[in-house]
């Protein structure tokens, strides 16, 4: 059997405004066969259950889309089975998910049934104390990310002149005429939002592999100063007007701005490449957005731009350190819970859900 492409995204972001959720984009309840909302506290096996179901689906030859946790990218927050029109999702805070059509589409899966509550009662004080420290780390992380985020607009506004905006719009029109010509008689394309990147306890990361397995042709947008959004906005509008479905990927540090754009049906992607997160492959085409900026403005403001970038990186690193401390505390919480969880029951639930989906 041919190996299936491994597709991973994020639906949540640790952003300057706090936790930013795209979980409303998980799957349309109106189109879904079933959405399993997993409930339960730390260490109860939500991610384990989703991985077991995902493995079974891949063995059955079905495509899977894995949604990683922005707090811990080694953990799953959701699993989407696009061919089956089914999703499983961790419905607990901060990405609380509640049913729109309860019992018809969505159904709850209570993994809290696997807790040995009598044994956990002995850990009550430890758990309560640790939980408070965990929340404090996230508060500190978001304060740092907010401060880092406040310098980005200043950095960008210095270079984004009307002349540069027109230059990027013209470049987008050229790309659209070459790569994404309007389909005759086609309805406007659909936009699906996903985060391709995240600020995590491991640092800032981008799932470039997800784009590469779906899109052999990559436009690398080399961008040191946050200019890619202007180009991507025109490409998004032109692609959807032409009848193409796209995956729009916001910037986790500025979720109202685009960082990447994928057009899987055409095997085409436009990926922002920065000094901190450079594109690791060989692109189909490379566009150096820095070179499009007014070089005289760039020369005059280079010391201020470098200072702004340095301050932003320092604040971002401080935020990441707080996320790392939160991860360490979460690991302590799971250590309190794990010995008192019936993982045999978790496995039974996973097998039952798998059978139900495949039936």
Protein backbone atom coordinates (compact mmCIF):
# COMPACT_ATOMS: atom_id res chain seq x y z
CA UNK A 1 0.00 0.00 0.00
CA UNK A 2 1.30 3.45 -0.93
CA UNK A 3 2.16 5.54 2.12
CA UNK A 4 -0.37 8.28 2.74
CA UNK A 5 0.86 11.89 3.00
CA UNK A 6 1.27 12.96 6.61
CA UNK A 7 -0.77 16.14 6.99
CA UNK A 8 -0.53 18.15 10.20
CA UNK A 9 -1.76 21.61 11.12
CA UNK A 10 -2.61 23.68 14.20
CA UNK A 11 -6.06 25.10 14.94
CA UNK A 12 -4.95 27.11 17.95
CA UNK A 13 -2.22 29.68 18.44
CA UNK A 14 -0.40 31.19 21.39
CA UNK A 15 -0.77 34.77 20.19
CA UNK A 16 -0.24 38.30 21.57
CA UNK A 17 -3.96 38.42 22.43
CA UNK A 18 -3.88 35.07 24.25
CA UNK A 19 -5.09 31.74 22.91
CA UNK A 20 -6.45 32.27 19.39
CA UNK A 21 -8.84 29.59 18.20
CA UNK A 22 -9.72 28.39 14.71
CA UNK A 23 -11.61 25.38 16.07
CA UNK A 24 -14.77 26.62 14.37
CA UNK A 25 -12.92 25.62 11.16
CA UNK A 26 -12.48 22.00 12.30
CA UNK A 27 -15.24 20.57 10.08
CA UNK A 28 -18.67 21.91 9.12
CA UNK A 29 -21.27 20.23 11.37
CA UNK A 30 -23.77 20.54 8.50
CA UNK A 31 -21.55 18.32 6.32
CA UNK A 32 -20.17 15.99 9.00
CA UNK A 33 -21.24 12.40 9.61
CA UNK A 34 -19.98 12.56 13.18
CA UNK A 35 -17.90 14.76 15.49
CA UNK A 36 -16.62 13.09 18.64
CA UNK A 37 -16.00 15.64 21.41
CA UNK A 38 -13.53 14.24 23.92
CA UNK A 39 -13.89 15.43 27.51
CA UNK A 40 -11.54 14.76 30.39
CA UNK A 41 -8.71 16.35 32.35
CA UNK A 42 -4.91 16.03 32.14
CA UNK A 43 -3.43 12.65 31.40
CA UNK A 44 -6.77 10.91 30.74
CA UNK A 45 -5.76 9.68 27.27
CA UNK A 46 -7.43 12.08 24.81
CA UNK A 47 -4.35 12.36 22.57
CA UNK A 48 -3.66 8.63 22.94
CA UNK A 49 -7.19 7.77 21.80
CA UNK A 50 -6.94 10.02 18.73
CA UNK A 51 -3.56 8.56 17.74
CA UNK A 52 -4.92 5.03 18.03
CA UNK A 53 -7.93 5.88 15.87
CA UNK A 54 -5.67 7.67 13.36
CA UNK A 55 -3.34 4.69 13.12
CA UNK A 56 -6.29 2.36 12.49
CA UNK A 57 -7.63 4.68 9.78
CA UNK A 58 -4.27 4.89 8.04
CA UNK A 59 -4.01 1.09 8.12
CA UNK A 60 -7.43 1.03 6.46
CA UNK A 61 -6.05 3.30 3.71
CA UNK A 62 -7.91 6.43 4.79
CA UNK A 63 -6.46 9.94 4.79
CA UNK A 64 -5.98 11.63 8.17
CA UNK A 65 -5.39 15.25 9.09
CA UNK A 66 -3.75 15.62 12.50
CA UNK A 67 -4.26 18.82 14.50
CA UNK A 68 -1.36 19.41 16.86
CA UNK A 69 -1.52 21.13 20.23
CA UNK A 70 0.14 24.56 20.15
CA UNK A 71 1.11 24.15 23.80
CA UNK A 72 2.74 20.77 23.13
CA UNK A 73 3.16 19.85 19.44
CA UNK A 74 3.89 16.25 20.43
CA UNK A 75 0.27 15.99 21.56
CA UNK A 76 -2.90 15.91 19.45
CA UNK A 77 -5.85 18.26 19.84
CA UNK A 78 -7.93 16.86 16.97
CA UNK A 79 -8.10 14.28 14.21
CA UNK A 80 -9.98 14.91 10.96
CA UNK A 81 -10.97 12.13 8.55
CA UNK A 82 -11.95 14.12 5.44
CA UNK A 83 -13.07 11.13 3.34
CA UNK A 84 -15.32 9.90 6.13
CA UNK A 85 -16.51 13.41 7.08
CA UNK A 86 -15.66 12.63 10.70
CA UNK A 87 -13.63 14.48 13.33
CA UNK A 88 -12.44 13.79 16.85
CA UNK A 89 -11.52 16.80 18.98
CA UNK A 90 -10.33 17.61 22.48
CA UNK A 91 -13.26 19.74 23.63
CA UNK A 92 -11.68 21.04 26.85
CA UNK A 93 -10.28 24.52 27.59
CA UNK A 94 -8.81 26.57 26.05
CA UNK A 95 -10.40 25.25 22.83
CA UNK A 96 -13.81 24.42 24.25
CA UNK A 97 -16.01 22.72 21.65
CA UNK A 98 -19.73 22.30 22.20
CA UNK A 99 -22.27 20.58 19.94
CA UNK A 100 -24.40 22.38 17.38
CA UNK A 101 -26.48 19.29 16.58
CA UNK A 102 -26.08 17.15 19.72
CA UNK A 103 -26.78 13.47 19.28
CA UNK A 104 -27.32 13.93 15.53
CA UNK A 105 -23.78 14.94 14.55
CA UNK A 106 -21.79 15.55 17.74
CA UNK A 107 -21.44 13.09 20.57
CA UNK A 108 -19.51 13.33 23.82
CA UNK A 109 -16.81 10.85 24.77
CA UNK A 110 -16.17 10.97 28.53
CA UNK A 111 -12.60 9.88 29.17
CA UNK A 112 -13.00 10.96 32.78
CA UNK A 113 -14.60 7.54 33.29
CA UNK A 114 -11.08 6.12 33.28
CA UNK A 115 -10.00 8.04 36.40
CA UNK A 116 -9.63 6.22 39.71
CA UNK A 117 -11.23 9.05 41.67
CA UNK A 118 -10.53 7.53 45.09
CA UNK A 119 -6.81 7.27 44.35
CA UNK A 120 -6.73 10.79 42.86
CA UNK A 121 -8.27 12.19 46.05
CA UNK A 122 -4.91 11.53 47.71
CA UNK A 123 -3.27 13.92 45.21
CA UNK A 124 -5.77 16.73 45.66
CA UNK A 125 -3.44 19.32 47.23
CA UNK A 126 -0.60 18.59 44.78
CA UNK A 127 -2.93 18.88 41.79
CA UNK A 128 -4.54 22.14 42.96
CA UNK A 129 -1.18 23.77 43.71
CA UNK A 130 0.32 22.66 40.40
CA UNK A 131 -2.70 23.82 38.40
CA UNK A 132 -2.30 27.38 39.70
CA UNK A 133 1.36 27.50 38.65
CA UNK A 134 0.44 26.23 35.20
CA UNK A 135 -2.02 29.07 34.59
CA UNK A 136 0.44 31.69 35.87
CA UNK A 137 3.05 30.57 33.30
CA UNK A 138 0.58 31.05 30.46
CA UNK A 139 -0.37 34.52 31.71
CA UNK A 140 3.29 35.51 31.72
CA UNK A 141 3.85 33.99 28.27
CA UNK A 142 0.96 35.97 26.78
CA UNK A 143 2.23 39.21 28.31
CA UNK A 144 5.58 38.67 26.58
CA UNK A 145 3.97 37.74 23.26
CA UNK A 146 1.76 40.83 23.47
CA UNK A 147 4.79 43.06 23.95
CA UNK A 148 6.61 41.32 21.08
CA UNK A 149 3.57 41.68 18.84
CA UNK A 150 3.24 45.42 19.43
CA UNK A 151 6.51 46.17 17.61
CA UNK A 152 5.58 44.33 14.39
CA UNK A 153 3.24 47.01 12.95
CA UNK A 154 5.93 49.67 13.40
CA UNK A 155 8.45 47.46 11.62
CA UNK A 156 6.16 46.89 8.67
CA UNK A 157 4.67 50.39 8.34
CA UNK A 158 8.12 51.84 7.76
CA UNK A 159 8.51 49.95 4.48
CA UNK A 160 4.96 49.37 3.25
CA UNK A 161 4.54 52.39 0.98
CA UNK A 162 1.76 52.80 -1.60
CA UNK A 163 4.34 52.14 -4.28
CA UNK A 164 5.32 48.82 -2.70
CA UNK A 165 1.67 47.81 -2.30
CA UNK A 166 1.08 48.38 -6.01
CA UNK A 167 4.26 46.49 -6.88
CA UNK A 168 3.10 43.46 -4.85
CA UNK A 169 -0.40 43.63 -6.36
CA UNK A 170 1.11 43.62 -9.86
CA UNK A 171 3.31 40.65 -8.93
CA UNK A 172 0.24 38.77 -7.66
CA UNK A 173 -1.64 39.43 -10.91
CA UNK A 174 1.26 37.97 -12.87
CA UNK A 175 1.34 34.83 -10.72
CA UNK A 176 -2.44 34.36 -10.99
CA UNK A 177 -2.41 34.67 -14.78
CA UNK A 178 0.37 32.11 -15.00
CA UNK A 179 -0.60 29.61 -12.31
CA UNK A 180 -4.29 30.03 -11.40
CA UNK A 181 -6.30 31.02 -14.44
CA UNK A 182 -9.99 31.40 -13.79
CA UNK A 183 -12.03 28.21 -14.29
CA UNK A 184 -14.84 28.64 -16.79
CA UNK A 185 -18.23 28.71 -15.10
CA UNK A 186 -16.83 27.70 -11.73
CA UNK A 187 -18.34 28.77 -8.43
CA UNK A 188 -16.04 30.78 -6.12
CA UNK A 189 -13.59 28.57 -4.25
CA UNK A 190 -13.85 27.75 -0.56
CA UNK A 191 -11.40 29.00 2.08
CA UNK A 192 -10.29 26.69 4.89
CA UNK A 193 -8.23 28.27 7.66
CA UNK A 194 -5.39 26.41 9.34
CA UNK A 195 -2.28 27.50 11.22
CA UNK A 196 0.82 26.07 9.55
CA UNK A 197 2.98 27.53 12.30
CA UNK A 198 2.84 28.05 16.06
CA UNK A 199 4.73 29.51 19.01
CA UNK A 200 5.31 26.46 21.21
CA UNK A 201 7.35 25.44 24.25
CA UNK A 202 9.92 24.17 21.72
CA UNK A 203 10.12 27.59 20.09
CA UNK A 204 8.55 28.98 16.94
CA UNK A 205 7.90 26.28 14.37
CA UNK A 206 6.37 25.84 10.93
CA UNK A 207 5.06 22.56 9.46
CA UNK A 208 6.65 23.03 6.05
CA UNK A 209 6.43 19.27 5.39
CA UNK A 210 2.63 19.48 5.41
CA UNK A 211 2.77 21.97 2.55
CA UNK A 212 5.41 20.01 0.62
CA UNK A 213 3.54 16.68 0.66
CA UNK A 214 0.45 18.39 -0.78
CA UNK A 215 2.09 20.94 -3.04
CA UNK A 216 5.14 19.99 -5.15
CA UNK A 217 5.39 23.55 -6.49
CA UNK A 218 6.44 25.96 -3.76
CA UNK A 219 6.80 29.69 -4.11
CA UNK A 220 9.20 30.74 -1.35
CA UNK A 221 8.44 34.27 -0.17
CA UNK A 222 11.66 35.50 1.44
CA UNK A 223 10.43 38.05 3.97
CA UNK A 224 12.40 39.79 6.73
CA UNK A 225 9.94 42.60 7.42
CA UNK A 226 6.39 41.20 7.39
CA UNK A 227 5.48 42.09 3.80
CA UNK A 228 4.16 38.71 2.61
CA UNK A 229 0.58 39.32 3.76
CA UNK A 230 0.05 41.99 1.10
CA UNK A 231 1.00 39.60 -1.72
CA UNK A 232 -0.87 36.64 -0.21
CA UNK A 233 -4.07 38.65 0.18
CA UNK A 234 -4.19 39.30 -3.58
CA UNK A 235 -3.38 35.67 -4.34
CA UNK A 236 -6.13 34.47 -1.99
CA UNK A 237 -8.73 36.74 -3.59
CA UNK A 238 -7.68 35.81 -7.10
CA UNK A 239 -7.53 32.06 -6.44
CA UNK A 240 -10.98 31.86 -4.85
CA UNK A 241 -12.52 34.13 -7.50
CA UNK A 242 -11.06 31.73 -10.07
CA UNK A 243 -12.85 28.76 -8.51
CA UNK A 244 -10.00 27.22 -6.50
CA UNK A 245 -10.33 25.91 -2.94
CA UNK A 246 -7.50 27.17 -0.75
CA UNK A 247 -6.00 26.66 2.70
CA UNK A 248 -5.29 30.09 4.20
CA UNK A 249 -2.72 30.01 7.01
CA UNK A 250 -2.66 33.02 9.35
CA UNK A 251 0.44 34.20 11.17
CA UNK A 252 0.19 32.94 14.79
CA UNK A 253 1.73 36.20 16.01
CA UNK A 254 -0.74 38.26 13.93
CA UNK A 255 -3.74 36.00 13.27
CA UNK A 256 -5.52 38.66 11.22
CA UNK A 257 -2.68 38.51 8.66
CA UNK A 258 -1.70 35.70 6.29
CA UNK A 259 1.62 33.87 6.50
CA UNK A 260 1.07 31.09 3.93
CA UNK A 261 -1.39 30.01 1.24
CA UNK A 262 -1.92 26.50 -0.14
CA UNK A 263 -3.84 25.45 -3.26
CA UNK A 264 -3.65 21.65 -2.92
CA UNK A 265 -5.76 20.85 -6.00
CA UNK A 266 -3.08 22.58 -8.12
CA UNK A 267 -0.15 21.29 -6.04
CA UNK A 268 0.79 24.91 -5.43
CA UNK A 269 1.80 26.73 -2.24
CA UNK A 270 3.10 30.15 -1.28
CA UNK A 271 5.21 29.91 1.88
CA UNK A 272 6.74 32.75 3.86
CA UNK A 273 10.41 32.15 4.66
CA UNK A 274 11.97 34.21 7.46
CA UNK A 275 15.43 34.27 9.08
CA UNK A 276 13.95 32.51 12.14
CA UNK A 277 11.94 29.98 10.08
CA UNK A 278 13.58 29.55 6.66
CA UNK A 279 11.99 27.26 4.08
CA UNK A 280 14.05 24.03 4.24
CA UNK A 281 13.52 22.73 0.69
CA UNK A 282 14.28 23.76 -2.87
CA UNK A 283 11.51 26.04 -4.09
CA UNK A 284 9.86 26.02 -7.50
CA UNK A 285 10.23 29.79 -7.49
CA UNK A 286 11.70 32.28 -5.01
CA UNK A 287 10.43 35.83 -4.52
CA UNK A 288 12.63 38.12 -2.45
CA UNK A 289 10.15 40.53 -0.91
CA UNK A 290 12.95 42.45 0.81
CA UNK A 291 14.27 43.45 -2.62
CA UNK A 292 10.85 44.84 -3.58
CA UNK A 293 11.00 47.41 -0.77
CA UNK A 294 12.29 50.93 -1.41
CA UNK A 295 16.03 50.47 -0.88
CA UNK A 296 16.58 54.08 0.18
CA UNK A 297 13.93 53.81 2.91
CA UNK A 298 15.47 50.50 3.93
CA UNK A 299 18.95 52.04 4.10
CA UNK A 300 17.82 55.04 6.19
CA UNK A 301 15.88 52.94 8.65
CA UNK A 302 18.12 49.87 8.86
CA UNK A 303 19.42 50.59 12.42
CA UNK A 304 15.86 51.10 13.73
CA UNK A 305 14.61 47.99 11.90
CA UNK A 306 17.42 45.89 13.37
CA UNK A 307 16.74 47.25 16.86
CA UNK A 308 13.02 46.51 16.55
CA UNK A 309 13.74 42.95 15.39
CA UNK A 310 16.18 42.42 18.24
CA UNK A 311 13.68 43.60 20.87
CA UNK A 312 10.91 41.50 19.33
CA UNK A 313 13.07 38.34 19.31
CA UNK A 314 14.08 38.86 22.95
CA UNK A 315 10.45 39.23 24.06
CA UNK A 316 9.43 36.22 21.98
CA UNK A 317 12.17 34.11 23.55
CA UNK A 318 10.99 35.15 27.01
CA UNK A 319 7.46 34.09 26.10
CA UNK A 320 8.72 30.75 24.82
CA UNK A 321 10.59 30.23 28.09
CA UNK A 322 7.31 30.71 29.99
CA UNK A 323 5.60 28.21 27.66
CA UNK A 324 8.43 25.79 28.40
CA UNK A 325 7.84 26.23 32.14
CA UNK A 326 4.11 25.64 31.58
CA UNK A 327 4.93 22.41 29.71
CA UNK A 328 7.10 21.22 32.60
CA UNK A 329 4.26 21.89 35.05
CA UNK A 330 1.78 20.12 32.76
CA UNK A 331 4.09 17.11 32.76
CA UNK A 332 3.94 17.17 36.58
CA UNK A 333 0.13 17.23 36.42
CA UNK A 334 0.09 14.25 34.08
CA UNK A 335 2.48 12.44 36.43
CA UNK A 336 -0.11 12.82 39.20
CA UNK A 337 -2.93 11.58 36.99
CA UNK A 338 -1.38 8.88 34.77
CA UNK A 339 -0.97 6.15 37.41
CA UNK A 340 -4.67 6.44 38.18
CA UNK A 341 -6.02 6.20 34.61
CA UNK A 342 -7.41 3.02 33.10
CA UNK A 343 -5.69 3.09 29.70
CA UNK A 344 -7.29 -0.25 28.89
CA UNK A 345 -10.61 1.58 28.86
CA UNK A 346 -9.09 4.26 26.59
CA UNK A 347 -8.07 1.53 24.15
CA UNK A 348 -11.56 0.02 24.23
CA UNK A 349 -13.07 3.43 23.47
CA UNK A 350 -10.66 3.91 20.56
CA UNK A 351 -11.56 0.52 19.08
CA UNK A 352 -15.28 1.18 19.50
CA UNK A 353 -15.06 4.56 17.76
CA UNK A 354 -12.94 3.06 14.97
CA UNK A 355 -15.50 0.32 14.34
CA UNK A 356 -18.33 2.84 14.39
CA UNK A 357 -16.59 5.06 11.82
CA UNK A 358 -15.66 2.23 9.49
CA UNK A 359 -19.15 0.74 9.71
